[in-house]
Amino acid sequence: MRWWRRLRSLFDGEPRSGLDSLFALVSWQIWKERNARCFRGETASVSELLQLIKAEADRWIEAGSGGLGALASV
């Protein structure tokens, strides 16, 4: 928990909100990958997973995630 607080302290305002959104997004994508592996026998490479995360982040930004957009421009 200390590393998270330390990382968050480096940002203020929208970039901090973006960092929180990024954490949620990455966690969600990893959870979905875990489910795909456990229940459907599917696997994605690390680079494929990173591409999925980037594409989803772009969709979140297009949908109005100002914090994530602010973080992307830092």
N, C-alpha and C. Protein backbone atom coordinates (compact mmCIF):
# COMPACT_ATOMS: atom_id res chain seq x y z
N MET A 1 0.81 -1.19 0.00
CA MET A 1 0.00 0.00 0.00
C MET A 1 0.87 1.27 0.00
N ARG A 2 2.04 1.18 0.60
CA ARG A 2 2.91 2.35 0.64
C ARG A 2 3.33 2.79 -0.75
N TRP A 3 3.67 1.82 -1.61
CA TRP A 3 4.11 2.18 -2.96
C TRP A 3 3.00 2.91 -3.72
N TRP A 4 1.75 2.50 -3.48
CA TRP A 4 0.62 3.14 -4.16
C TRP A 4 0.44 4.58 -3.68
N ARG A 5 0.51 4.78 -2.39
CA ARG A 5 0.39 6.14 -1.84
C ARG A 5 1.52 7.03 -2.33
N ARG A 6 2.72 6.47 -2.36
CA ARG A 6 3.88 7.23 -2.83
C ARG A 6 3.69 7.62 -4.30
N LEU A 7 3.26 6.70 -5.13
CA LEU A 7 3.04 6.97 -6.54
C LEU A 7 1.95 8.02 -6.73
N ARG A 8 0.84 7.89 -6.01
CA ARG A 8 -0.25 8.85 -6.12
C ARG A 8 0.17 10.24 -5.67
N SER A 9 1.10 10.31 -4.72
CA SER A 9 1.52 11.62 -4.22
C SER A 9 2.30 12.42 -5.26
N LEU A 10 2.74 11.77 -6.32
CA LEU A 10 3.48 12.46 -7.38
C LEU A 10 2.55 13.23 -8.32
N PHE A 11 1.25 12.98 -8.21
CA PHE A 11 0.29 13.60 -9.11
C PHE A 11 -0.77 14.35 -8.32
N ASP A 12 -1.35 15.36 -8.98
CA ASP A 12 -2.46 16.11 -8.39
C ASP A 12 -3.60 16.16 -9.40
N GLY A 13 -4.79 16.40 -8.92
CA GLY A 13 -5.94 16.65 -9.78
C GLY A 13 -6.26 15.53 -10.75
N GLU A 14 -6.49 15.93 -12.02
CA GLU A 14 -6.90 14.96 -13.03
C GLU A 14 -5.87 13.87 -13.29
N PRO A 15 -4.56 14.19 -13.32
CA PRO A 15 -3.60 13.09 -13.51
C PRO A 15 -3.70 12.03 -12.40
N ARG A 16 -3.97 12.45 -11.17
CA ARG A 16 -4.13 11.48 -10.08
C ARG A 16 -5.38 10.63 -10.32
N SER A 17 -6.44 11.28 -10.75
CA SER A 17 -7.66 10.56 -11.09
C SER A 17 -7.39 9.58 -12.24
N GLY A 18 -6.58 10.02 -13.19
CA GLY A 18 -6.21 9.16 -14.31
C GLY A 18 -5.41 7.96 -13.86
N LEU A 19 -4.54 8.16 -12.90
CA LEU A 19 -3.76 7.06 -12.35
C LEU A 19 -4.67 6.03 -11.69
N ASP A 20 -5.65 6.51 -10.97
CA ASP A 20 -6.64 5.61 -10.35
C ASP A 20 -7.41 4.84 -11.42
N SER A 21 -7.81 5.56 -12.48
CA SER A 21 -8.52 4.90 -13.59
C SER A 21 -7.64 3.87 -14.27
N LEU A 22 -6.38 4.20 -14.47
CA LEU A 22 -5.45 3.27 -15.11
C LEU A 22 -5.28 2.02 -14.27
N PHE A 23 -5.18 2.19 -12.96
CA PHE A 23 -5.06 1.05 -12.06
C PHE A 23 -6.28 0.14 -12.18
N ALA A 24 -7.48 0.74 -12.20
CA ALA A 24 -8.71 -0.04 -12.34
C ALA A 24 -8.75 -0.75 -13.69
N LEU A 25 -8.37 -0.05 -14.73
CA LEU A 25 -8.39 -0.61 -16.08
C LEU A 25 -7.44 -1.80 -16.20
N VAL A 26 -6.21 -1.64 -15.74
CA VAL A 26 -5.23 -2.72 -15.82
C VAL A 26 -5.67 -3.91 -14.98
N SER A 27 -6.16 -3.63 -13.79
CA SER A 27 -6.64 -4.72 -12.92
C SER A 27 -7.78 -5.49 -13.59
N TRP A 28 -8.71 -4.76 -14.19
CA TRP A 28 -9.85 -5.40 -14.84
C TRP A 28 -9.39 -6.26 -16.02
N GLN A 29 -8.46 -5.75 -16.82
CA GLN A 29 -7.98 -6.52 -17.97
C GLN A 29 -7.22 -7.77 -17.53
N ILE A 30 -6.45 -7.66 -16.48
CA ILE A 30 -5.74 -8.83 -15.96
C ILE A 30 -6.73 -9.85 -15.43
N TRP A 31 -7.79 -9.38 -14.75
CA TRP A 31 -8.82 -10.29 -14.25
C TRP A 31 -9.52 -11.00 -15.41
N LYS A 32 -9.83 -10.26 -16.48
CA LYS A 32 -10.47 -10.88 -17.64
C LYS A 32 -9.55 -11.90 -18.30
N GLU A 33 -8.27 -11.60 -18.36
CA GLU A 33 -7.30 -12.55 -18.92
C GLU A 33 -7.23 -13.80 -18.05
N ARG A 34 -7.25 -13.62 -16.76
CA ARG A 34 -7.24 -14.76 -15.84
C ARG A 34 -8.45 -15.65 -16.08
N ASN A 35 -9.61 -15.03 -16.23
CA ASN A 35 -10.83 -15.80 -16.49
C ASN A 35 -10.75 -16.52 -17.83
N ALA A 36 -10.22 -15.87 -18.84
CA ALA A 36 -10.09 -16.50 -20.16
C ALA A 36 -9.18 -17.73 -20.07
N ARG A 37 -8.11 -17.61 -19.31
CA ARG A 37 -7.19 -18.74 -19.16
C ARG A 37 -7.81 -19.88 -18.35
N CYS A 38 -8.48 -19.53 -17.27
CA CYS A 38 -9.02 -20.56 -16.37
C CYS A 38 -10.25 -21.25 -16.92
N PHE A 39 -11.13 -20.50 -17.56
CA PHE A 39 -12.43 -21.04 -17.92
C PHE A 39 -12.60 -21.35 -19.40
N ARG A 40 -11.80 -20.71 -20.26
CA ARG A 40 -11.96 -20.95 -21.69
C ARG A 40 -10.70 -21.51 -22.35
N GLY A 41 -9.65 -21.65 -21.58
CA GLY A 41 -8.40 -22.19 -22.12
C GLY A 41 -7.73 -21.28 -23.14
N GLU A 42 -8.06 -20.00 -23.12
CA GLU A 42 -7.47 -19.02 -24.03
C GLU A 42 -6.31 -18.32 -23.35
N THR A 43 -5.33 -17.93 -24.13
CA THR A 43 -4.22 -17.17 -23.57
C THR A 43 -3.83 -16.05 -24.51
N ALA A 44 -3.45 -14.96 -23.94
CA ALA A 44 -2.92 -13.82 -24.69
C ALA A 44 -1.48 -13.61 -24.23
N SER A 45 -0.65 -13.20 -25.15
CA SER A 45 0.73 -12.87 -24.78
C SER A 45 0.74 -11.55 -24.02
N VAL A 46 1.85 -11.25 -23.40
CA VAL A 46 1.96 -9.98 -22.67
C VAL A 46 1.76 -8.81 -23.63
N SER A 47 2.35 -8.88 -24.81
CA SER A 47 2.20 -7.78 -25.76
C SER A 47 0.75 -7.64 -26.23
N GLU A 48 0.05 -8.76 -26.40
CA GLU A 48 -1.37 -8.70 -26.76
C GLU A 48 -2.19 -8.07 -25.63
N LEU A 49 -1.89 -8.45 -24.41
CA LEU A 49 -2.60 -7.89 -23.26
C LEU A 49 -2.34 -6.39 -23.15
N LEU A 50 -1.11 -5.96 -23.38
CA LEU A 50 -0.79 -4.53 -23.34
C LEU A 50 -1.53 -3.78 -24.45
N GLN A 51 -1.65 -4.39 -25.61
CA GLN A 51 -2.39 -3.76 -26.70
C GLN A 51 -3.88 -3.63 -26.34
N LEU A 52 -4.43 -4.67 -25.70
CA LEU A 52 -5.82 -4.60 -25.25
C LEU A 52 -6.02 -3.48 -24.24
N ILE A 53 -5.08 -3.35 -23.30
CA ILE A 53 -5.17 -2.30 -22.28
C ILE A 53 -5.09 -0.93 -22.94
N LYS A 54 -4.18 -0.75 -23.88
CA LYS A 54 -4.04 0.53 -24.58
C LYS A 54 -5.31 0.87 -25.35
N ALA A 55 -5.86 -0.11 -26.06
CA ALA A 55 -7.08 0.13 -26.83
C ALA A 55 -8.25 0.49 -25.90
N GLU A 56 -8.35 -0.20 -24.79
CA GLU A 56 -9.43 0.09 -23.84
C GLU A 56 -9.23 1.47 -23.21
N ALA A 57 -8.00 1.83 -22.90
CA ALA A 57 -7.72 3.17 -22.36
C ALA A 57 -8.12 4.24 -23.37
N ASP A 58 -7.82 4.00 -24.63
CA ASP A 58 -8.23 4.95 -25.68
C ASP A 58 -9.74 5.09 -25.73
N ARG A 59 -10.47 3.99 -25.58
CA ARG A 59 -11.94 4.04 -25.56
C ARG A 59 -12.44 4.82 -24.35
N TRP A 60 -11.82 4.60 -23.19
CA TRP A 60 -12.22 5.33 -21.99
C TRP A 60 -11.99 6.83 -22.18
N ILE A 61 -10.87 7.19 -22.80
CA ILE A 61 -10.57 8.61 -23.04
C ILE A 61 -11.60 9.20 -24.00
N GLU A 62 -11.92 8.47 -25.08
CA GLU A 62 -12.93 8.93 -26.03
C GLU A 62 -14.29 9.09 -25.36
N ALA A 63 -14.58 8.24 -24.37
CA ALA A 63 -15.86 8.29 -23.67
C ALA A 63 -15.90 9.40 -22.62
N GLY A 64 -14.77 10.08 -22.41
CA GLY A 64 -14.79 11.22 -21.50
C GLY A 64 -14.01 11.08 -20.22
N SER A 65 -13.15 10.08 -20.12
CA SER A 65 -12.33 9.95 -18.91
C SER A 65 -11.24 11.02 -18.94
N GLY A 66 -11.58 12.19 -18.38
CA GLY A 66 -10.64 13.30 -18.39
C GLY A 66 -9.36 13.02 -17.65
N GLY A 67 -9.47 12.30 -16.54
CA GLY A 67 -8.28 11.98 -15.76
C GLY A 67 -7.32 11.09 -16.53
N LEU A 68 -7.86 10.10 -17.20
CA LEU A 68 -7.02 9.20 -17.99
C LEU A 68 -6.42 9.95 -19.17
N GLY A 69 -7.21 10.84 -19.76
CA GLY A 69 -6.70 11.67 -20.85
C GLY A 69 -5.59 12.59 -20.38
N ALA A 70 -5.76 13.16 -19.19
CA ALA A 70 -4.72 14.04 -18.62
C ALA A 70 -3.45 13.25 -18.33
N LEU A 71 -3.62 12.04 -17.85
CA LEU A 71 -2.46 11.20 -17.57
C LEU A 71 -1.74 10.82 -18.86
N ALA A 72 -2.49 10.56 -19.91
CA ALA A 72 -1.90 10.19 -21.20
C ALA A 72 -1.08 11.34 -21.80
N SER A 73 -1.44 12.57 -21.45
CA SER A 73 -0.72 13.72 -22.02
C SER A 73 0.48 14.14 -21.18
N VAL A 74 0.68 13.49 -20.03
CA VAL A 74 1.82 13.85 -19.15
C VAL A 74 3.10 13.28 -19.69
